[in-house]
């Protein structure tokens, strides 16, 4: 019976991991793809703008 209790946690984690991967793959693309891409592009543009902003001396 010890082998069952030793195998249950890895099996449960594997099942949840497979479910997570399937969910991620299924959510790629679709009708919201353009909106998601636009949000990522906007976030990257903001990050690049902050990097390019000159900092005042002494900071």
C-alpha atoms as a PDB file:
ATOM      1  CA  UNK A   1       0.000   0.000   0.000  1.00  0.00           C
ATOM      2  CA  UNK A   2       2.983   2.291   0.447  1.00  0.00           C
ATOM      3  CA  UNK A   3       3.587   2.324  -3.295  1.00  0.00           C
ATOM      4  CA  UNK A   4       0.100   3.746  -3.878  1.00  0.00           C
ATOM      5  CA  UNK A   5       0.664   6.623  -1.460  1.00  0.00           C
ATOM      6  CA  UNK A   6       4.065   7.239  -3.075  1.00  0.00           C
ATOM      7  CA  UNK A   7       2.616   7.388  -6.597  1.00  0.00           C
ATOM      8  CA  UNK A   8      -0.487   9.500  -5.956  1.00  0.00           C
ATOM      9  CA  UNK A   9       1.187  12.960  -5.642  1.00  0.00           C
ATOM     10  CA  UNK A  10       3.233  12.678  -8.876  1.00  0.00           C
ATOM     11  CA  UNK A  11       0.245  11.319 -10.789  1.00  0.00           C
ATOM     12  CA  UNK A  12      -1.998  14.132  -9.545  1.00  0.00           C
ATOM     13  CA  UNK A  13       0.620  16.746 -10.444  1.00  0.00           C
ATOM     14  CA  UNK A  14       1.081  15.199 -13.888  1.00  0.00           C
ATOM     15  CA  UNK A  15      -2.666  15.281 -14.550  1.00  0.00           C
ATOM     16  CA  UNK A  16      -2.908  18.948 -13.524  1.00  0.00           C
ATOM     17  CA  UNK A  17       0.168  19.824 -15.601  1.00  0.00           C
ATOM     18  CA  UNK A  18      -1.280  18.142 -18.698  1.00  0.00           C
ATOM     19  CA  UNK A  19      -4.543  20.007 -18.117  1.00  0.00           C
ATOM     20  CA  UNK A  20      -2.646  23.299 -17.830  1.00  0.00           C
ATOM     21  CA  UNK A  21      -0.740  22.670 -21.066  1.00  0.00           C
ATOM     22  CA  UNK A  22      -3.930  21.711 -22.912  1.00  0.00           C
ATOM     23  CA  UNK A  23      -5.664  24.852 -21.639  1.00  0.00           C
ATOM     24  CA  UNK A  24      -2.765  27.053 -22.731  1.00  0.00           C
ATOM     25  CA  UNK A  25      -2.670  25.485 -26.181  1.00  0.00           C
ATOM     26  CA  UNK A  26      -6.429  25.778 -26.659  1.00  0.00           C
ATOM     27  CA  UNK A  27      -6.442  29.433 -25.607  1.00  0.00           C
ATOM     28  CA  UNK A  28      -3.877  30.395 -28.242  1.00  0.00           C
ATOM     29  CA  UNK A  29      -5.330  32.222 -31.210  1.00  0.00           C
ATOM     30  CA  UNK A  30      -9.064  32.521 -31.618  1.00  0.00           C
ATOM     31  CA  UNK A  31     -11.155  35.683 -31.571  1.00  0.00           C
ATOM     32  CA  UNK A  32      -9.173  37.340 -28.752  1.00  0.00           C
ATOM     33  CA  UNK A  33      -5.760  36.898 -30.371  1.00  0.00           C
ATOM     34  CA  UNK A  34      -5.628  40.407 -31.854  1.00  0.00           C
ATOM     35  CA  UNK A  35      -6.674  41.973 -28.536  1.00  0.00           C
ATOM     36  CA  UNK A  36      -4.076  39.978 -26.598  1.00  0.00           C
ATOM     37  CA  UNK A  37      -1.356  40.818 -29.115  1.00  0.00           C
ATOM     38  CA  UNK A  38      -2.252  44.516 -28.903  1.00  0.00           C
ATOM     39  CA  UNK A  39      -2.050  44.422 -25.096  1.00  0.00           C
ATOM     40  CA  UNK A  40       1.389  42.800 -25.197  1.00  0.00           C
ATOM     41  CA  UNK A  41       2.627  45.265 -27.816  1.00  0.00           C
ATOM     42  CA  UNK A  42       1.403  48.191 -25.702  1.00  0.00           C
ATOM     43  CA  UNK A  43       3.114  46.833 -22.587  1.00  0.00           C
ATOM     44  CA  UNK A  44       6.379  46.333 -24.477  1.00  0.00           C
ATOM     45  CA  UNK A  45       6.176  49.849 -25.910  1.00  0.00           C
ATOM     46  CA  UNK A  46       5.662  51.308 -22.420  1.00  0.00           C
ATOM     47  CA  UNK A  47       8.624  49.326 -21.077  1.00  0.00           C
ATOM     48  CA  UNK A  48      10.858  50.502 -23.915  1.00  0.00           C
ATOM     49  CA  UNK A  49       9.734  54.116 -23.427  1.00  0.00           C
ATOM     50  CA  UNK A  50      10.663  53.962 -19.751  1.00  0.00           C
ATOM     51  CA  UNK A  51      14.089  52.532 -20.596  1.00  0.00           C
ATOM     52  CA  UNK A  52      14.787  55.316 -23.099  1.00  0.00           C
ATOM     53  CA  UNK A  53      13.714  58.144 -20.781  1.00  0.00           C
ATOM     54  CA  UNK A  54      16.826  59.945 -19.530  1.00  0.00           C
ATOM     55  CA  UNK A  55      17.190  60.000 -15.785  1.00  0.00           C
ATOM     56  CA  UNK A  56      18.028  63.218 -13.952  1.00  0.00           C
ATOM     57  CA  UNK A  57      21.549  63.539 -12.622  1.00  0.00           C
ATOM     58  CA  UNK A  58      22.110  62.408  -9.056  1.00  0.00           C
ATOM     59  CA  UNK A  59      19.421  59.720  -9.052  1.00  0.00           C
END
